[in-house]
PDB file of N, CA and C in Angstrom:
ATOM      1  N   MET A   1     -16.570  13.595  -3.079  1.00  0.00           N
ATOM      2  CA  MET A   1     -15.891  12.714  -2.140  1.00  0.00           C
ATOM      3  C   MET A   1     -15.902  13.386  -0.762  1.00  0.00           C
ATOM      4  N   ASN A   2     -16.295  12.632   0.239  1.00  0.00           N
ATOM      5  CA  ASN A   2     -16.338  13.217   1.583  1.00  0.00           C
ATOM      6  C   ASN A   2     -14.970  13.114   2.272  1.00  0.00           C
ATOM      7  N   GLY A   3     -14.883  13.716   3.425  1.00  0.00           N
ATOM      8  CA  GLY A   3     -13.621  13.765   4.163  1.00  0.00           C
ATOM      9  C   GLY A   3     -13.073  12.401   4.520  1.00  0.00           C
ATOM     10  N   TYR A   4     -13.960  11.461   4.865  1.00  0.00           N
ATOM     11  CA  TYR A   4     -13.512  10.121   5.237  1.00  0.00           C
ATOM     12  C   TYR A   4     -12.903   9.398   4.027  1.00  0.00           C
ATOM     13  N   GLU A   5     -13.526   9.559   2.871  1.00  0.00           N
ATOM     14  CA  GLU A   5     -12.989   8.935   1.662  1.00  0.00           C
ATOM     15  C   GLU A   5     -11.646   9.545   1.286  1.00  0.00           C
ATOM     16  N   GLN A   6     -11.527  10.841   1.437  1.00  0.00           N
ATOM     17  CA  GLN A   6     -10.251  11.508   1.152  1.00  0.00           C
ATOM     18  C   GLN A   6      -9.159  11.017   2.083  1.00  0.00           C
ATOM     19  N   LEU A   7      -9.492  10.858   3.350  1.00  0.00           N
ATOM     20  CA  LEU A   7      -8.519  10.357   4.317  1.00  0.00           C
ATOM     21  C   LEU A   7      -8.114   8.925   3.985  1.00  0.00           C
ATOM     22  N   ALA A   8      -9.082   8.079   3.677  1.00  0.00           N
ATOM     23  CA  ALA A   8      -8.791   6.687   3.327  1.00  0.00           C
ATOM     24  C   ALA A   8      -7.894   6.628   2.095  1.00  0.00           C
ATOM     25  N   ASN A   9      -8.208   7.424   1.085  1.00  0.00           N
ATOM     26  CA  ASN A   9      -7.385   7.455  -0.126  1.00  0.00           C
ATOM     27  C   ASN A   9      -5.975   7.940   0.174  1.00  0.00           C
ATOM     28  N   ALA A  10      -5.847   8.935   1.042  1.00  0.00           N
ATOM     29  CA  ALA A  10      -4.530   9.458   1.405  1.00  0.00           C
ATOM     30  C   ALA A  10      -3.703   8.402   2.145  1.00  0.00           C
ATOM     31  N   ILE A  11      -4.339   7.620   2.997  1.00  0.00           N
ATOM     32  CA  ILE A  11      -3.634   6.558   3.730  1.00  0.00           C
ATOM     33  C   ILE A  11      -3.097   5.514   2.761  1.00  0.00           C
ATOM     34  N   VAL A  12      -3.938   5.088   1.828  1.00  0.00           N
ATOM     35  CA  VAL A  12      -3.531   4.079   0.848  1.00  0.00           C
ATOM     36  C   VAL A  12      -2.421   4.625  -0.042  1.00  0.00           C
ATOM     37  N   LEU A  13      -2.568   5.847  -0.515  1.00  0.00           N
ATOM     38  CA  LEU A  13      -1.547   6.449  -1.364  1.00  0.00           C
ATOM     39  C   LEU A  13      -0.216   6.588  -0.628  1.00  0.00           C
ATOM     40  N   GLN A  14      -0.256   6.954   0.634  1.00  0.00           N
ATOM     41  CA  GLN A  14       0.978   7.069   1.420  1.00  0.00           C
ATOM     42  C   GLN A  14       1.645   5.708   1.576  1.00  0.00           C
ATOM     43  N   ALA A  15       0.861   4.660   1.778  1.00  0.00           N
ATOM     44  CA  ALA A  15       1.416   3.316   1.894  1.00  0.00           C
ATOM     45  C   ALA A  15       2.094   2.903   0.588  1.00  0.00           C
ATOM     46  N   VAL A  16       1.483   3.237  -0.542  1.00  0.00           N
ATOM     47  CA  VAL A  16       2.081   2.936  -1.844  1.00  0.00           C
ATOM     48  C   VAL A  16       3.404   3.689  -1.997  1.00  0.00           C
ATOM     49  N   ASN A  17       3.406   4.953  -1.661  1.00  0.00           N
ATOM     50  CA  ASN A  17       4.635   5.750  -1.751  1.00  0.00           C
ATOM     51  C   ASN A  17       5.706   5.224  -0.806  1.00  0.00           C
ATOM     52  N   ASP A  18       5.309   4.829   0.395  1.00  0.00           N
ATOM     53  CA  ASP A  18       6.258   4.262   1.359  1.00  0.00           C
ATOM     54  C   ASP A  18       6.844   2.952   0.845  1.00  0.00           C
ATOM     55  N   TYR A  19       6.004   2.128   0.204  1.00  0.00           N
ATOM     56  CA  TYR A  19       6.493   0.863  -0.348  1.00  0.00           C
ATOM     57  C   TYR A  19       7.547   1.135  -1.426  1.00  0.00           C
ATOM     58  N   ARG A  20       7.242   2.064  -2.326  1.00  0.00           N
ATOM     59  CA  ARG A  20       8.190   2.405  -3.391  1.00  0.00           C
ATOM     60  C   ARG A  20       9.522   2.878  -2.808  1.00  0.00           C
ATOM     61  N   LEU A  21       9.454   3.710  -1.788  1.00  0.00           N
ATOM     62  CA  LEU A  21      10.668   4.227  -1.153  1.00  0.00           C
ATOM     63  C   LEU A  21      11.443   3.110  -0.459  1.00  0.00           C
ATOM     64  N   ALA A  22      10.738   2.235   0.250  1.00  0.00           N
ATOM     65  CA  ALA A  22      11.396   1.122   0.943  1.00  0.00           C
ATOM     66  C   ALA A  22      12.053   0.187  -0.065  1.00  0.00           C
ATOM     67  N   LYS A  23      11.383  -0.037  -1.174  1.00  0.00           N
ATOM     68  CA  LYS A  23      11.950  -0.895  -2.222  1.00  0.00           C
ATOM     69  C   LYS A  23      13.211  -0.255  -2.798  1.00  0.00           C
ATOM     70  N   LYS A  24      13.153   1.042  -3.037  1.00  0.00           N
ATOM     71  CA  LYS A  24      14.299   1.770  -3.594  1.00  0.00           C
ATOM     72  C   LYS A  24      15.490   1.720  -2.639  1.00  0.00           C
ATOM     73  N   LYS A  25      15.205   1.831  -1.337  1.00  0.00           N
ATOM     74  CA  LYS A  25      16.270   1.833  -0.333  1.00  0.00           C
ATOM     75  C   LYS A  25      16.638   0.427   0.135  1.00  0.00           C
ATOM     76  N   LYS A  26      15.946  -0.575  -0.424  1.00  0.00           N
ATOM     77  CA  LYS A  26      16.173  -1.988  -0.083  1.00  0.00           C
ATOM     78  C   LYS A  26      15.949  -2.257   1.405  1.00  0.00           C
ATOM     79  N   GLU A  27      14.890  -1.679   1.934  1.00  0.00           N
ATOM     80  CA  GLU A  27      14.515  -1.868   3.338  1.00  0.00           C
ATOM     81  C   GLU A  27      13.438  -2.946   3.412  1.00  0.00           C
ATOM     82  N   SER A  28      13.886  -4.186   3.506  1.00  0.00           N
ATOM     83  CA  SER A  28      12.974  -5.325   3.420  1.00  0.00           C
ATOM     84  C   SER A  28      11.996  -5.405   4.588  1.00  0.00           C
ATOM     85  N   GLU A  29      12.399  -4.973   5.773  1.00  0.00           N
ATOM     86  CA  GLU A  29      11.481  -5.008   6.918  1.00  0.00           C
ATOM     87  C   GLU A  29      10.311  -4.058   6.698  1.00  0.00           C
ATOM     88  N   ASP A  30      10.597  -2.874   6.192  1.00  0.00           N
ATOM     89  CA  ASP A  30       9.542  -1.909   5.907  1.00  0.00           C
ATOM     90  C   ASP A  30       8.621  -2.433   4.810  1.00  0.00           C
ATOM     91  N   GLN A  31       9.204  -3.068   3.806  1.00  0.00           N
ATOM     92  CA  GLN A  31       8.401  -3.649   2.729  1.00  0.00           C
ATOM     93  C   GLN A  31       7.459  -4.711   3.290  1.00  0.00           C
ATOM     94  N   ALA A  32       7.960  -5.532   4.186  1.00  0.00           N
ATOM     95  CA  ALA A  32       7.156  -6.606   4.766  1.00  0.00           C
ATOM     96  C   ALA A  32       5.975  -6.046   5.559  1.00  0.00           C
ATOM     97  N   VAL A  33       6.212  -4.980   6.296  1.00  0.00           N
ATOM     98  CA  VAL A  33       5.136  -4.350   7.065  1.00  0.00           C
ATOM     99  C   VAL A  33       4.063  -3.805   6.121  1.00  0.00           C
ATOM    100  N   LEU A  34       4.487  -3.205   5.035  1.00  0.00           N
ATOM    101  CA  LEU A  34       3.541  -2.644   4.073  1.00  0.00           C
ATOM    102  C   LEU A  34       2.771  -3.741   3.348  1.00  0.00           C
ATOM    103  N   VAL A  35       3.420  -4.849   3.049  1.00  0.00           N
ATOM    104  CA  VAL A  35       2.722  -5.985   2.438  1.00  0.00           C
ATOM    105  C   VAL A  35       1.650  -6.499   3.402  1.00  0.00           C
ATOM    106  N   GLN A  36       1.974  -6.573   4.676  1.00  0.00           N
ATOM    107  CA  GLN A  36       0.978  -6.976   5.680  1.00  0.00           C
ATOM    108  C   GLN A  36      -0.206  -6.017   5.660  1.00  0.00           C
ATOM    109  N   PHE A  37       0.069  -4.739   5.547  1.00  0.00           N
ATOM    110  CA  PHE A  37      -1.004  -3.749   5.481  1.00  0.00           C
ATOM    111  C   PHE A  37      -1.869  -3.973   4.247  1.00  0.00           C
ATOM    112  N   PHE A  38      -1.250  -4.189   3.083  1.00  0.00           N
ATOM    113  CA  PHE A  38      -2.011  -4.396   1.852  1.00  0.00           C
ATOM    114  C   PHE A  38      -2.910  -5.629   1.942  1.00  0.00           C
ATOM    115  N   ARG A  39      -2.532  -6.572   2.774  1.00  0.00           N
ATOM    116  CA  ARG A  39      -3.312  -7.814   2.926  1.00  0.00           C
ATOM    117  C   ARG A  39      -4.266  -7.777   4.123  1.00  0.00           C
ATOM    118  N   SER A  40      -4.301  -6.665   4.808  1.00  0.00           N
ATOM    119  CA  SER A  40      -5.066  -6.598   6.068  1.00  0.00           C
ATOM    120  C   SER A  40      -6.541  -6.255   5.865  1.00  0.00           C
ATOM    121  N   LYS A  41      -7.312  -6.539   6.895  1.00  0.00           N
ATOM    122  CA  LYS A  41      -8.735  -6.182   6.904  1.00  0.00           C
ATOM    123  C   LYS A  41      -8.900  -4.669   6.908  1.00  0.00           C
ATOM    124  N   TRP A  42      -7.986  -3.968   7.568  1.00  0.00           N
ATOM    125  CA  TRP A  42      -8.065  -2.514   7.614  1.00  0.00           C
ATOM    126  C   TRP A  42      -7.927  -1.932   6.208  1.00  0.00           C
ATOM    127  N   PHE A  43      -6.970  -2.456   5.438  1.00  0.00           N
ATOM    128  CA  PHE A  43      -6.805  -2.009   4.055  1.00  0.00           C
ATOM    129  C   PHE A  43      -8.098  -2.243   3.279  1.00  0.00           C
ATOM    130  N   ALA A  44      -8.700  -3.410   3.475  1.00  0.00           N
ATOM    131  CA  ALA A  44      -9.951  -3.735   2.780  1.00  0.00           C
ATOM    132  C   ALA A  44     -11.083  -2.799   3.191  1.00  0.00           C
ATOM    133  N   MET A  45     -11.034  -2.300   4.409  1.00  0.00           N
ATOM    134  CA  MET A  45     -12.052  -1.354   4.865  1.00  0.00           C
ATOM    135  C   MET A  45     -11.839   0.024   4.235  1.00  0.00           C
ATOM    136  N   LEU A  46     -10.593   0.365   3.952  1.00  0.00           N
ATOM    137  CA  LEU A  46     -10.274   1.682   3.418  1.00  0.00           C
ATOM    138  C   LEU A  46     -10.574   1.820   1.931  1.00  0.00           C
ATOM    139  N   THR A  47     -10.479   0.711   1.197  1.00  0.00           N
ATOM    140  CA  THR A  47     -10.569   0.789  -0.258  1.00  0.00           C
ATOM    141  C   THR A  47     -11.145  -0.486  -0.847  1.00  0.00           C
ATOM    142  N   ASN A  48     -11.586  -0.389  -2.078  1.00  0.00           N
ATOM    143  CA  ASN A  48     -12.070  -1.568  -2.802  1.00  0.00           C
ATOM    144  C   ASN A  48     -10.964  -2.200  -3.637  1.00  0.00           C
ATOM    145  N   ILE A  49      -9.771  -1.654  -3.557  1.00  0.00           N
ATOM    146  CA  ILE A  49      -8.635  -2.178  -4.308  1.00  0.00           C
ATOM    147  C   ILE A  49      -8.234  -3.531  -3.728  1.00  0.00           C
ATOM    148  N   ASP A  50      -7.909  -4.470  -4.601  1.00  0.00           N
ATOM    149  CA  ASP A  50      -7.399  -5.778  -4.181  1.00  0.00           C
ATOM    150  C   ASP A  50      -5.947  -5.582  -3.738  1.00  0.00           C
ATOM    151  N   GLY A  51      -5.688  -5.749  -2.458  1.00  0.00           N
ATOM    152  CA  GLY A  51      -4.363  -5.512  -1.900  1.00  0.00           C
ATOM    153  C   GLY A  51      -3.291  -6.416  -2.479  1.00  0.00           C
ATOM    154  N   ARG A  52      -3.631  -7.658  -2.753  1.00  0.00           N
ATOM    155  CA  ARG A  52      -2.654  -8.589  -3.329  1.00  0.00           C
ATOM    156  C   ARG A  52      -2.301  -8.195  -4.768  1.00  0.00           C
ATOM    157  N   LEU A  53      -3.302  -7.741  -5.497  1.00  0.00           N
ATOM    158  CA  LEU A  53      -3.053  -7.276  -6.860  1.00  0.00           C
ATOM    159  C   LEU A  53      -2.192  -6.007  -6.836  1.00  0.00           C
ATOM    160  N   LEU A  54      -2.486  -5.109  -5.914  1.00  0.00           N
ATOM    161  CA  LEU A  54      -1.678  -3.897  -5.765  1.00  0.00           C
ATOM    162  C   LEU A  54      -0.238  -4.262  -5.437  1.00  0.00           C
ATOM    163  N   GLU A  55      -0.060  -5.181  -4.514  1.00  0.00           N
ATOM    164  CA  GLU A  55       1.284  -5.638  -4.143  1.00  0.00           C
ATOM    165  C   GLU A  55       2.022  -6.187  -5.364  1.00  0.00           C
ATOM    166  N   GLN A  56       1.349  -6.996  -6.155  1.00  0.00           N
ATOM    167  CA  GLN A  56       1.948  -7.579  -7.352  1.00  0.00           C
ATOM    168  C   GLN A  56       2.339  -6.487  -8.347  1.00  0.00           C
ATOM    169  N   LYS A  57       1.470  -5.525  -8.560  1.00  0.00           N
ATOM    170  CA  LYS A  57       1.758  -4.428  -9.495  1.00  0.00           C
ATOM    171  C   LYS A  57       2.945  -3.593  -9.016  1.00  0.00           C
ATOM    172  N   LEU A  58       3.020  -3.357  -7.709  1.00  0.00           N
ATOM    173  CA  LEU A  58       4.137  -2.590  -7.166  1.00  0.00           C
ATOM    174  C   LEU A  58       5.458  -3.342  -7.331  1.00  0.00           C
ATOM    175  N   LYS A  59       5.423  -4.655  -7.112  1.00  0.00           N
ATOM    176  CA  LYS A  59       6.635  -5.448  -7.287  1.00  0.00           C
ATOM    177  C   LYS A  59       7.107  -5.412  -8.736  1.00  0.00           C
ATOM    178  N   GLU A  60       6.146  -5.512  -9.672  1.00  0.00           N
ATOM    179  CA  GLU A  60       6.497  -5.466 -11.098  1.00  0.00           C
ATOM    180  C   GLU A  60       7.079  -4.089 -11.450  1.00  0.00           C
ATOM    181  N   GLU A  61       6.458  -3.041 -10.921  1.00  0.00           N
ATOM    182  CA  GLU A  61       6.907  -1.681 -11.195  1.00  0.00           C
ATOM    183  C   GLU A  61       8.327  -1.436 -10.699  1.00  0.00           C
ATOM    184  N   CYS A  62       8.661  -2.024  -9.576  1.00  0.00           N
ATOM    185  CA  CYS A  62       9.949  -1.749  -8.930  1.00  0.00           C
ATOM    186  C   CYS A  62      11.082  -2.648  -9.431  1.00  0.00           C
ATOM    187  N   ARG A  63      10.804  -3.507 -10.400  1.00  0.00           N
ATOM    188  CA  ARG A  63      11.867  -4.393 -10.920  1.00  0.00           C
ATOM    189  C   ARG A  63      12.775  -3.671 -11.825  1.00  0.00           C
TER     190      ARG A  63
END
């Protein structure tokens, strides 16, 4: 894995961790921003993961 892929993976992983933390703290504005990121073109450029599916899995996990 090259440096760019590592950076992209780190960005996505940080967003996932931030979402979990925002959900735990019930910070809905932060959650909304992260959902926008998961649905964005930038997210799609960083990874092949389906952002909407990731969002759904995170919501299920945090219930």
